[in-house]
Amino acid sequence: MESRSPLSREKIAESVAGLLGQDQVETDDAALRDASVDRFKKYTSAHGIYDGPFPAVIAYPRTTDDVAAVLRFADDNLVAVVPRTGRTATEGGLETVVADSIVLDGSRMDAILAINPVDMMATVQCGVPLQILEDTLRAQGLTTGHSPQSKPLAQYGGLTTTRSIGQFSTLYGGIEDMVVGLEAVLPDGTVCRIKNVPRRAAGPDIRHIVIGNEGALCYITEVTVKVFPYQPENNRFFGFLLDEFGDGVEALRELVTSGYRPSVCRVYSPEDAKQHFSHFAKDKNVVVLVAEGPKPLADATAAAIEETFASRPHERVEERLIEEWFAHLNWDQSSIDAERRDMVTKGHLGYTTEVSVDWSRVDELYRAVMHRVRTEFPRADDLTMLGAHSSHSYQTGTNLYFVYDYWIRCEPREEITEYHEPINAIIVEEALRLGGSMVHHHGIGKYRTPWTAVEHGSAYPLLERLKAALDPNGIMNPGTIFPLEG
């Protein structure tokens, strides 16, 4: 898409450098090319294919005032802006679809501003890596409770703006449950601070206008999150092998709806389990649970887990095997680099699509997706794995995280349209058909927008009017959440 700005790309870069200083901008062609995509296009980018459009400049603000100045300039001159921090997005949200955009990278806003062990809060700038905050808190006997697989790389701006979730969510919740208050900048440069309070009934909860906006409404500069006591000495790890996926889901439902909150609460289909637990999965469904918290609470949760599985045919997995698996679950830059090398040398790729649904429809969704992909996907013979797991559970339902690997037998540019998009579409369509959500935690990005209106139904005008009110010039991350016209 062509830029709507009257300014040339050179003038845009020059103007941003004038606002921030030359040391806070990047215009190198290789850097701009790399900034034009996120991990959604990991296969083409691994082959050195970047089709653009490309940004004019990458800007690195150091303060909220810097962010406000760049946004004000962009809004006045109709320059598109793509906000980013840790760059772990997977749904195309960081892709530049408008030529000569400004990529506004908050990774240098990386100060931990406050840790309050009395009020149990920590305040950070948007570029603070989750791993850094977590390590700092653990040294003080505290934890965020937030642990996505991207933990070594993810930063707080991106975590908050995509409604991220972590591996211990059934106990601690998603990022929306952790954020107490925040600061954000609107496209016209207005700085908005949502204060930190335990709860209030002063109208709609405006935190949720900002949390999950994916950079399409505003730019998050600061976040305050809850913290919790860190008590790993009380952790108990559980693993069970079951014959039926639906039986594993039912066990999770019984635990959670009875009021128990294992921090980890997962069931893997046999296909998905093989890539994680090949040394003990035995072609069975694998249930993984962790009880944690204060010792009496962890003990009570552990007892409930034991009771739940005592009445079910199962095989027990050694506790140490589950604990060892968790210790190596997260991925970092080295694992991303290794994945890129394998893609190029082997022509093999894995993708995921995560959705959510009510308890009563989980097994139906699982079976429907598995059947449709195996029978309708034209390149089903290229699949090397198709499976799913439930990893985040609630009183009313759970998520399903579908995982699919395949040999790529086409040109690199065609991989997305030949493989990922058709499988992704089947999963999304089935989730929506059964009344679920098309996306559980990765965000809509730019590649699930065909279903945004269907997802929200009669509530979609609320989103449209938010966009029109907060970003009337349409500069904020065009094509993300809201489909581009035409």
Protein backbone atom coordinates (compact mmCIF):
# COMPACT_ATOMS: atom_id res chain seq x y z
CA MET A 1 0.00 0.00 0.00
CA GLU A 2 1.34 3.41 -0.94
CA SER A 3 1.96 6.07 1.68
CA ARG A 4 -0.68 8.80 2.06
CA SER A 5 1.89 11.27 3.38
CA PRO A 6 2.91 14.27 1.28
CA LEU A 7 6.46 13.79 2.60
CA SER A 8 9.15 11.74 0.86
CA ARG A 9 10.77 8.85 2.72
CA GLU A 10 13.96 10.91 2.99
CA LYS A 11 12.05 13.79 4.56
CA ILE A 12 10.29 11.47 6.99
CA ALA A 13 13.60 9.98 8.17
CA GLU A 14 15.21 13.41 8.38
CA SER A 15 12.31 14.81 10.40
CA VAL A 16 12.31 11.92 12.90
CA ALA A 17 16.08 12.28 13.33
CA GLY A 18 15.50 15.98 14.01
CA LEU A 19 13.01 15.11 16.75
CA LEU A 20 15.04 12.38 18.48
CA GLY A 21 18.64 12.83 17.41
CA GLN A 22 20.58 10.89 14.81
CA ASP A 23 21.68 8.28 17.36
CA GLN A 24 18.04 7.31 17.93
CA VAL A 25 17.14 6.45 14.34
CA GLU A 26 18.10 3.70 11.91
CA THR A 27 17.90 3.97 8.11
CA ASP A 28 20.19 1.15 7.03
CA ASP A 29 18.56 -0.76 4.16
CA ALA A 30 19.13 -4.18 5.75
CA ALA A 31 17.61 -3.05 9.05
CA LEU A 32 14.58 -1.55 7.28
CA ARG A 33 14.11 -4.71 5.24
CA ASP A 34 14.27 -6.84 8.40
CA ALA A 35 11.80 -4.53 10.15
CA SER A 36 9.20 -5.01 7.42
CA VAL A 37 8.15 -8.47 8.67
CA ASP A 38 7.68 -10.42 11.88
CA ARG A 39 7.83 -14.18 12.50
CA PHE A 40 4.67 -14.75 10.45
CA LYS A 41 6.87 -14.59 7.35
CA LYS A 42 9.68 -16.58 8.91
CA TYR A 43 10.05 -18.93 5.92
CA THR A 44 10.37 -16.28 3.22
CA SER A 45 12.62 -14.09 5.36
CA ALA A 46 14.82 -17.11 6.15
CA HIS A 47 15.35 -17.34 2.39
CA GLY A 48 16.23 -13.64 2.18
CA ILE A 49 12.92 -12.72 0.53
CA TYR A 50 11.49 -9.35 1.57
CA ASP A 51 8.85 -8.01 -0.78
CA GLY A 52 8.03 -4.84 1.14
CA PRO A 53 6.66 -2.27 1.41
CA PHE A 54 9.51 -1.03 3.60
CA PRO A 55 9.56 1.55 6.40
CA ALA A 56 11.34 4.87 5.97
CA VAL A 57 12.97 4.80 9.40
CA ILE A 58 13.20 2.91 12.67
CA ALA A 59 12.87 5.30 15.60
CA TYR A 60 14.16 4.44 19.08
CA PRO A 61 12.51 6.75 21.65
CA ARG A 62 13.97 6.92 25.16
CA THR A 63 11.14 8.78 26.88
CA THR A 64 7.38 9.19 26.73
CA ASP A 65 7.96 12.70 25.37
CA ASP A 66 9.94 11.17 22.49
CA VAL A 67 7.04 8.85 21.69
CA ALA A 68 4.58 11.74 21.81
CA ALA A 69 6.73 13.86 19.50
CA VAL A 70 7.05 11.13 16.88
CA LEU A 71 3.35 10.28 16.97
CA ARG A 72 2.37 13.95 16.74
CA PHE A 73 4.62 14.37 13.68
CA ALA A 74 3.24 11.20 12.09
CA ASP A 75 -0.37 12.20 12.71
CA ASP A 76 0.15 15.69 11.32
CA ASN A 77 1.75 14.28 8.17
CA LEU A 78 -0.29 11.09 7.66
CA VAL A 79 2.71 8.81 8.17
CA ALA A 80 1.85 5.25 9.21
CA VAL A 81 3.41 3.99 12.46
CA VAL A 82 4.17 0.40 13.46
CA PRO A 83 4.76 0.15 17.25
CA ARG A 84 7.05 -2.62 18.51
CA THR A 85 9.22 -3.68 21.45
CA GLY A 86 10.55 -7.25 21.80
CA ARG A 87 9.71 -8.39 18.24
CA THR A 88 8.26 -11.78 19.22
CA ALA A 89 4.94 -11.24 17.36
CA THR A 90 3.73 -14.13 15.21
CA GLU A 91 0.58 -12.91 13.40
CA GLY A 92 1.97 -10.19 11.12
CA GLY A 93 1.26 -7.38 13.58
CA LEU A 94 4.74 -5.92 13.06
CA GLU A 95 4.61 -6.13 9.27
CA THR A 96 4.73 -2.80 7.45
CA VAL A 97 1.93 -2.79 4.88
CA VAL A 98 2.20 0.94 4.12
CA ALA A 99 5.27 2.25 2.34
CA ASP A 100 7.54 4.65 4.24
CA SER A 101 6.09 3.88 7.67
CA ILE A 102 7.84 4.74 10.92
CA VAL A 103 8.72 1.69 13.01
CA LEU A 104 8.55 3.03 16.56
CA ASP A 105 10.72 0.72 18.65
CA GLY A 106 10.46 1.18 22.42
CA SER A 107 13.18 -1.31 23.35
CA ARG A 108 15.50 1.45 24.65
CA MET A 109 12.85 2.53 27.17
CA ASP A 110 14.08 -0.24 29.43
CA ALA A 111 14.04 1.07 33.01
CA ILE A 112 12.46 -0.78 35.93
CA LEU A 113 10.91 2.27 37.58
CA ALA A 114 9.67 0.82 40.87
CA ILE A 115 9.19 -2.40 42.81
CA ASN A 116 6.79 -2.11 45.73
CA PRO A 117 6.77 -5.25 47.94
CA VAL A 118 4.09 -3.79 50.24
CA ASP A 119 1.52 -2.91 47.59
CA MET A 120 2.80 -5.86 45.49
CA MET A 121 3.35 -3.95 42.26
CA ALA A 122 6.19 -3.35 39.81
CA THR A 123 6.31 -0.49 37.31
CA VAL A 124 8.36 -0.74 34.12
CA GLN A 125 8.89 1.10 30.87
CA CYS A 126 7.63 -0.61 27.73
CA GLY A 127 11.05 -1.93 26.67
CA VAL A 128 11.83 -3.84 29.87
CA PRO A 129 12.31 -7.52 29.01
CA LEU A 130 10.08 -9.86 30.99
CA GLN A 131 13.09 -12.03 31.82
CA ILE A 132 14.96 -9.06 33.34
CA LEU A 133 12.02 -8.06 35.53
CA GLU A 134 11.39 -11.66 36.57
CA ASP A 135 15.04 -12.23 37.50
CA THR A 136 15.08 -8.96 39.47
CA LEU A 137 11.90 -9.90 41.34
CA ARG A 138 13.00 -13.45 42.12
CA ALA A 139 16.12 -12.09 43.81
CA GLN A 140 13.67 -10.36 46.18
CA GLY A 141 11.45 -13.42 46.68
CA LEU A 142 8.79 -12.21 44.23
CA THR A 143 7.50 -13.16 40.77
CA THR A 144 5.31 -11.73 38.02
CA GLY A 145 3.64 -15.11 37.53
CA HIS A 146 3.97 -14.43 33.79
CA SER A 147 5.91 -16.95 31.73
CA PRO A 148 5.17 -17.19 28.00
CA GLN A 149 7.58 -19.22 25.86
CA SER A 150 8.92 -15.91 24.55
CA LYS A 151 9.95 -14.91 28.09
CA PRO A 152 13.69 -14.55 27.31
CA LEU A 153 12.94 -12.01 24.53
CA ALA A 154 9.50 -10.46 25.08
CA GLN A 155 9.17 -6.91 26.44
CA TYR A 156 6.35 -5.32 28.37
CA GLY A 157 4.95 -3.07 25.66
CA GLY A 158 4.38 -5.99 23.33
CA LEU A 159 3.19 -8.32 26.09
CA THR A 160 0.51 -5.84 27.13
CA THR A 161 -0.59 -4.71 23.71
CA THR A 162 -1.17 -8.29 22.49
CA ARG A 163 -2.98 -9.58 25.61
CA SER A 164 -0.24 -12.16 26.14
CA ILE A 165 -0.56 -15.15 28.39
CA GLY A 166 1.95 -17.38 30.15
CA GLN A 167 2.42 -21.01 31.06
CA PHE A 168 1.15 -20.46 34.63
CA SER A 169 -2.02 -18.64 33.58
CA THR A 170 -4.57 -20.93 35.20
CA LEU A 171 -3.33 -19.65 38.57
CA TYR A 172 -2.02 -16.15 37.79
CA GLY A 173 -4.16 -15.20 34.79
CA GLY A 174 -3.24 -13.48 31.54
CA ILE A 175 -1.55 -10.10 31.23
CA GLU A 176 -4.97 -8.42 31.47
CA ASP A 177 -5.32 -9.86 34.98
CA MET A 178 -1.87 -8.65 35.96
CA VAL A 179 -1.88 -5.05 34.70
CA VAL A 180 -2.87 -2.61 37.44
CA GLY A 181 -2.31 0.64 35.57
CA LEU A 182 -0.41 1.97 32.58
CA GLU A 183 0.62 4.94 30.49
CA ALA A 184 -0.13 5.27 26.78
CA VAL A 185 0.24 7.90 24.08
CA LEU A 186 -2.55 8.59 21.59
CA PRO A 187 -1.81 9.27 17.92
CA ASP A 188 -2.07 13.05 18.39
CA GLY A 189 0.59 12.95 21.11
CA THR A 190 -1.79 13.07 24.09
CA VAL A 191 -0.32 11.19 27.06
CA CYS A 192 -2.86 9.20 29.10
CA ARG A 193 -2.06 7.65 32.48
CA ILE A 194 -4.41 5.10 34.00
CA LYS A 195 -3.68 5.13 37.73
CA ASN A 196 -2.85 2.10 39.85
CA VAL A 197 -5.75 1.09 42.08
CA PRO A 198 -6.94 -2.34 43.34
CA ARG A 199 -10.35 -1.89 41.71
CA ARG A 200 -12.78 0.87 40.88
CA ALA A 201 -16.34 1.28 39.60
CA ALA A 202 -15.80 4.65 37.94
CA GLY A 203 -17.29 3.77 34.59
CA PRO A 204 -15.94 1.22 32.07
CA ASP A 205 -12.53 -0.24 32.83
CA ILE A 206 -10.49 1.87 30.42
CA ARG A 207 -7.37 -0.27 30.90
CA HIS A 208 -8.94 -2.63 28.39
CA ILE A 209 -9.06 -0.02 25.66
CA VAL A 210 -5.28 -0.10 25.79
CA ILE A 211 -4.54 -3.73 26.73
CA GLY A 212 -4.75 -5.76 23.54
CA ASN A 213 -4.92 -2.80 21.14
CA GLU A 214 -1.94 -4.24 19.16
CA GLY A 215 -0.65 -0.74 18.42
CA ALA A 216 -3.74 0.03 16.36
CA LEU A 217 -5.09 2.64 18.81
CA CYS A 218 -2.18 3.96 20.89
CA TYR A 219 1.38 3.35 22.05
CA ILE A 220 2.02 1.84 25.50
CA THR A 221 4.99 3.47 27.25
CA GLU A 222 4.73 2.24 30.84
CA VAL A 223 3.06 -0.65 32.65
CA THR A 224 2.41 -1.48 36.31
CA VAL A 225 1.79 -5.14 37.09
CA LYS A 226 0.94 -7.17 40.16
CA VAL A 227 3.65 -9.27 41.77
CA PHE A 228 3.34 -12.40 43.90
CA PRO A 229 5.44 -14.33 46.43
CA TYR A 230 7.90 -16.67 44.73
CA GLN A 231 7.81 -20.06 46.46
CA PRO A 232 9.26 -22.69 44.12
CA GLU A 233 10.07 -24.98 47.04
CA ASN A 234 6.35 -25.82 47.22
CA ASN A 235 5.96 -26.77 43.54
CA ARG A 236 4.60 -30.23 42.73
CA PHE A 237 4.79 -31.60 39.16
CA PHE A 238 2.36 -34.18 37.75
CA GLY A 239 2.17 -36.14 34.52
CA PHE A 240 -0.44 -38.68 33.39
CA LEU A 241 -0.94 -40.75 30.23
CA LEU A 242 -4.54 -41.23 29.06
CA ASP A 243 -6.13 -43.03 26.12
CA GLU A 244 -8.62 -40.31 25.12
CA PHE A 245 -8.02 -36.59 24.53
CA GLY A 246 -11.56 -35.80 25.68
CA ASP A 247 -10.95 -37.61 28.97
CA GLY A 248 -7.93 -35.39 29.62
CA VAL A 249 -9.99 -32.29 28.90
CA GLU A 250 -12.73 -33.51 31.23
CA ALA A 251 -10.16 -34.00 34.02
CA LEU A 252 -9.00 -30.40 33.60
CA ARG A 253 -12.62 -29.22 33.62
CA GLU A 254 -13.36 -31.04 36.87
CA LEU A 255 -10.32 -29.56 38.58
CA VAL A 256 -10.83 -25.98 37.46
CA THR A 257 -14.60 -25.77 37.87
CA SER A 258 -14.28 -27.24 41.37
CA GLY A 259 -12.23 -24.19 42.31
CA TYR A 260 -8.68 -25.55 42.06
CA ARG A 261 -6.07 -23.57 40.17
CA PRO A 262 -3.01 -25.58 39.17
CA SER A 263 -0.60 -23.04 37.73
CA VAL A 264 -0.03 -25.35 34.76
CA CYS A 265 -3.00 -27.26 33.44
CA ARG A 266 -2.40 -28.98 30.08
CA VAL A 267 -3.44 -31.93 27.96
CA TYR A 268 -1.58 -32.89 24.77
CA SER A 269 -2.93 -35.03 21.94
CA PRO A 270 -0.74 -38.03 21.03
CA GLU A 271 0.67 -36.30 17.95
CA ASP A 272 1.60 -33.12 19.80
CA ALA A 273 2.87 -35.07 22.80
CA LYS A 274 5.46 -36.90 20.70
CA GLN A 275 7.43 -33.74 20.01
CA HIS A 276 7.57 -32.87 23.72
CA PHE A 277 7.55 -36.22 25.51
CA SER A 278 8.88 -38.75 23.01
CA HIS A 279 10.72 -40.64 25.78
CA PHE A 280 7.52 -41.54 27.63
CA ALA A 281 4.39 -40.51 25.65
CA LYS A 282 3.72 -44.02 24.23
CA ASP A 283 1.26 -42.67 21.61
CA LYS A 284 -1.05 -41.56 24.39
CA ASN A 285 -2.50 -38.23 25.47
CA VAL A 286 -0.31 -36.52 28.06
CA VAL A 287 -1.71 -34.43 30.92
CA VAL A 288 0.71 -32.06 32.68
CA LEU A 289 -0.12 -30.21 35.91
CA VAL A 290 1.77 -28.10 38.43
CA ALA A 291 0.57 -27.23 41.93
CA GLU A 292 2.23 -24.15 43.41
CA GLY A 293 1.80 -21.31 45.87
CA PRO A 294 1.89 -21.29 49.69
CA LYS A 295 2.46 -24.84 50.95
CA PRO A 296 -1.07 -25.46 52.28
CA LEU A 297 -2.53 -24.25 48.98
CA ALA A 298 -0.08 -26.27 46.87
CA ASP A 299 -0.75 -29.36 48.98
CA ALA A 300 -4.51 -28.98 48.62
CA THR A 301 -4.20 -28.56 44.86
CA ALA A 302 -1.91 -31.60 44.66
CA ALA A 303 -4.41 -33.67 46.65
CA ALA A 304 -7.22 -32.65 44.28
CA ILE A 305 -5.10 -33.64 41.29
CA GLU A 306 -4.41 -37.04 42.81
CA GLU A 307 -8.10 -37.57 43.55
CA THR A 308 -9.18 -36.50 40.05
CA PHE A 309 -6.93 -39.04 38.34
CA ALA A 310 -7.43 -41.84 40.86
CA SER A 311 -10.84 -42.52 39.31
CA ARG A 312 -9.49 -42.56 35.72
CA PRO A 313 -7.49 -45.25 33.93
CA HIS A 314 -4.03 -43.77 33.51
CA GLU A 315 -0.30 -44.29 33.66
CA ARG A 316 1.75 -42.07 35.95
CA VAL A 317 4.78 -40.11 34.69
CA GLU A 318 7.73 -39.52 36.99
CA GLU A 319 7.63 -36.04 38.55
CA ARG A 320 11.26 -35.31 37.65
CA LEU A 321 10.55 -35.83 33.93
CA ILE A 322 7.86 -33.13 33.97
CA GLU A 323 10.05 -30.78 35.98
CA GLU A 324 12.95 -31.26 33.55
CA TRP A 325 10.69 -30.58 30.57
CA PHE A 326 9.53 -27.27 32.01
CA ALA A 327 13.09 -26.17 32.63
CA HIS A 328 13.76 -26.23 28.85
CA LEU A 329 10.42 -25.12 27.41
CA ASN A 330 11.12 -21.47 26.57
CA TRP A 331 12.74 -20.35 23.33
CA ASP A 332 15.33 -17.63 22.86
CA GLN A 333 17.25 -16.07 19.97
CA SER A 334 19.45 -19.14 19.55
CA SER A 335 16.41 -21.39 19.12
CA ILE A 336 14.92 -18.94 16.59
CA ASP A 337 18.21 -18.95 14.66
CA ALA A 338 18.29 -22.76 14.72
CA GLU A 339 14.72 -22.87 13.42
CA ARG A 340 15.67 -20.56 10.53
CA ARG A 341 18.64 -22.77 9.62
CA ASP A 342 16.44 -25.87 9.60
CA MET A 343 13.87 -24.17 7.39
CA VAL A 344 16.49 -23.37 4.77
CA THR A 345 18.43 -26.63 4.88
CA LYS A 346 15.53 -29.06 5.36
CA GLY A 347 12.49 -27.32 3.87
CA HIS A 348 10.49 -28.18 6.97
CA LEU A 349 8.34 -25.83 9.06
CA GLY A 350 6.01 -25.80 12.04
CA TYR A 351 3.17 -23.34 12.78
CA THR A 352 0.45 -22.94 15.37
CA THR A 353 -3.06 -21.51 15.61
CA GLU A 354 -4.60 -20.96 19.05
CA VAL A 355 -8.33 -20.54 19.68
CA SER A 356 -10.68 -20.88 22.66
CA VAL A 357 -14.06 -22.49 23.26
CA ASP A 358 -16.49 -23.47 26.04
CA TRP A 359 -15.89 -26.76 27.86
CA SER A 360 -18.86 -28.46 26.22
CA ARG A 361 -17.40 -27.91 22.74
CA VAL A 362 -13.69 -28.66 23.28
CA ASP A 363 -13.64 -32.27 22.13
CA GLU A 364 -15.96 -31.48 19.20
CA LEU A 365 -13.66 -28.66 18.07
CA TYR A 366 -10.60 -30.89 18.35
CA ARG A 367 -12.16 -33.69 16.33
CA ALA A 368 -13.64 -31.37 13.71
CA VAL A 369 -10.33 -29.64 13.02
CA MET A 370 -8.36 -32.88 12.88
CA HIS A 371 -10.90 -34.37 10.45
CA ARG A 372 -11.15 -31.33 8.16
CA VAL A 373 -7.42 -30.76 7.90
CA ARG A 374 -6.75 -34.42 7.15
CA THR A 375 -9.52 -34.68 4.54
CA GLU A 376 -9.82 -31.17 3.03
CA PHE A 377 -6.33 -29.69 3.11
CA PRO A 378 -4.97 -30.26 -0.44
CA ARG A 379 -1.40 -30.84 0.75
CA ALA A 380 -2.26 -33.15 3.64
CA ASP A 381 0.35 -35.65 2.42
CA ASP A 382 3.05 -33.09 3.27
CA LEU A 383 2.02 -32.94 6.93
CA THR A 384 4.53 -34.49 9.30
CA MET A 385 2.50 -33.67 12.41
CA LEU A 386 -0.99 -32.44 13.22
CA GLY A 387 -2.00 -32.19 16.86
CA ALA A 388 -3.24 -29.95 19.61
CA HIS A 389 -3.03 -29.17 23.29
CA SER A 390 -5.07 -27.30 25.86
CA SER A 391 -2.83 -25.06 27.95
CA HIS A 392 -4.92 -22.26 29.51
CA SER A 393 -8.12 -23.08 31.35
CA TYR A 394 -10.95 -21.06 32.91
CA GLN A 395 -14.17 -21.63 34.81
CA THR A 396 -16.13 -21.67 31.55
CA GLY A 397 -13.76 -23.24 29.03
CA THR A 398 -10.25 -23.62 27.71
CA ASN A 399 -8.03 -22.94 24.73
CA LEU A 400 -6.88 -25.31 22.03
CA TYR A 401 -3.46 -24.73 20.57
CA PHE A 402 -3.32 -26.54 17.22
CA VAL A 403 0.16 -27.41 16.02
CA TYR A 404 1.05 -28.50 12.49
CA ASP A 405 4.38 -29.30 10.83
CA TYR A 406 4.97 -29.95 7.15
CA TRP A 407 7.45 -30.44 4.34
CA ILE A 408 7.41 -27.45 2.01
CA ARG A 409 7.11 -28.54 -1.61
CA CYS A 410 6.62 -25.19 -3.28
CA GLU A 411 8.44 -21.92 -3.88
CA PRO A 412 9.27 -19.99 -0.67
CA ARG A 413 6.84 -17.17 -1.47
CA GLU A 414 3.98 -19.67 -1.80
CA GLU A 415 4.51 -21.37 1.58
CA ILE A 416 2.07 -19.14 3.48
CA THR A 417 -0.75 -19.43 0.94
CA GLU A 418 -0.18 -23.13 0.19
CA TYR A 419 0.18 -24.37 3.76
CA HIS A 420 -0.31 -22.04 6.73
CA GLU A 421 -3.27 -19.98 5.55
CA PRO A 422 -5.53 -22.93 4.55
CA ILE A 423 -4.89 -24.81 7.80
CA ASN A 424 -5.25 -21.64 9.87
CA ALA A 425 -8.57 -20.90 8.12
CA ILE A 426 -10.00 -24.33 8.95
CA ILE A 427 -9.12 -23.93 12.64
CA VAL A 428 -10.54 -20.41 12.84
CA GLU A 429 -13.72 -21.37 10.98
CA GLU A 430 -14.39 -24.32 13.26
CA ALA A 431 -13.78 -22.29 16.41
CA LEU A 432 -16.22 -19.60 15.23
CA ARG A 433 -18.77 -22.20 14.13
CA LEU A 434 -18.81 -23.62 17.65
CA GLY A 435 -19.17 -20.23 19.32
CA GLY A 436 -15.52 -19.91 20.32
CA SER A 437 -12.92 -17.22 19.69
CA MET A 438 -10.71 -17.20 16.61
CA VAL A 439 -7.68 -16.18 18.70
CA HIS A 440 -6.79 -16.90 22.31
CA HIS A 441 -3.58 -14.96 22.91
CA HIS A 442 -1.38 -14.23 19.88
CA GLY A 443 -3.54 -11.33 18.73
CA ILE A 444 -5.28 -10.71 15.42
CA GLY A 445 -2.27 -9.10 13.79
CA LYS A 446 -2.71 -8.58 10.07
CA TYR A 447 -3.52 -12.17 9.13
CA ARG A 448 -6.67 -12.94 11.10
CA THR A 449 -8.41 -9.70 10.12
CA PRO A 450 -10.71 -11.46 7.60
CA TRP A 451 -12.56 -12.81 10.64
CA THR A 452 -12.51 -9.74 12.92
CA ALA A 453 -16.09 -8.70 12.15
CA VAL A 454 -17.39 -12.27 12.49
CA GLU A 455 -15.52 -12.67 15.78
CA HIS A 456 -17.19 -9.63 17.33
CA GLY A 457 -20.55 -9.79 15.56
CA SER A 458 -22.95 -7.04 16.59
CA ALA A 459 -20.29 -5.64 18.96
CA TYR A 460 -17.92 -4.83 16.08
CA PRO A 461 -19.16 -1.21 15.80
CA LEU A 462 -17.71 -0.62 19.28
CA LEU A 463 -14.26 -1.43 17.87
CA GLU A 464 -14.80 0.59 14.71
CA ARG A 465 -15.88 3.66 16.66
CA LEU A 466 -12.92 3.36 19.02
CA LYS A 467 -10.61 3.38 16.02
CA ALA A 468 -12.40 6.35 14.46
CA ALA A 469 -12.32 8.32 17.71
CA LEU A 470 -8.77 7.59 18.83
CA ASP A 471 -7.03 7.32 15.46
CA PRO A 472 -9.12 9.38 13.01
CA ASN A 473 -6.24 9.66 10.52
CA GLY A 474 -5.62 5.92 10.55
CA ILE A 475 -1.88 6.10 11.17
CA MET A 476 -1.61 3.47 13.91
CA ASN A 477 -0.46 0.08 12.63
CA PRO A 478 -2.67 0.00 9.53
CA GLY A 479 -4.10 -3.41 8.72
CA THR A 480 -3.79 -4.72 12.28
CA ILE A 481 -7.08 -5.79 13.95
CA PHE A 482 -8.97 -3.67 11.41
CA PRO A 483 -8.87 -4.93 7.79
CA LEU A 484 -7.41 -2.55 5.24
CA GLU A 485 -10.09 -1.25 2.89
CA GLY A 486 -9.81 -2.97 -0.44
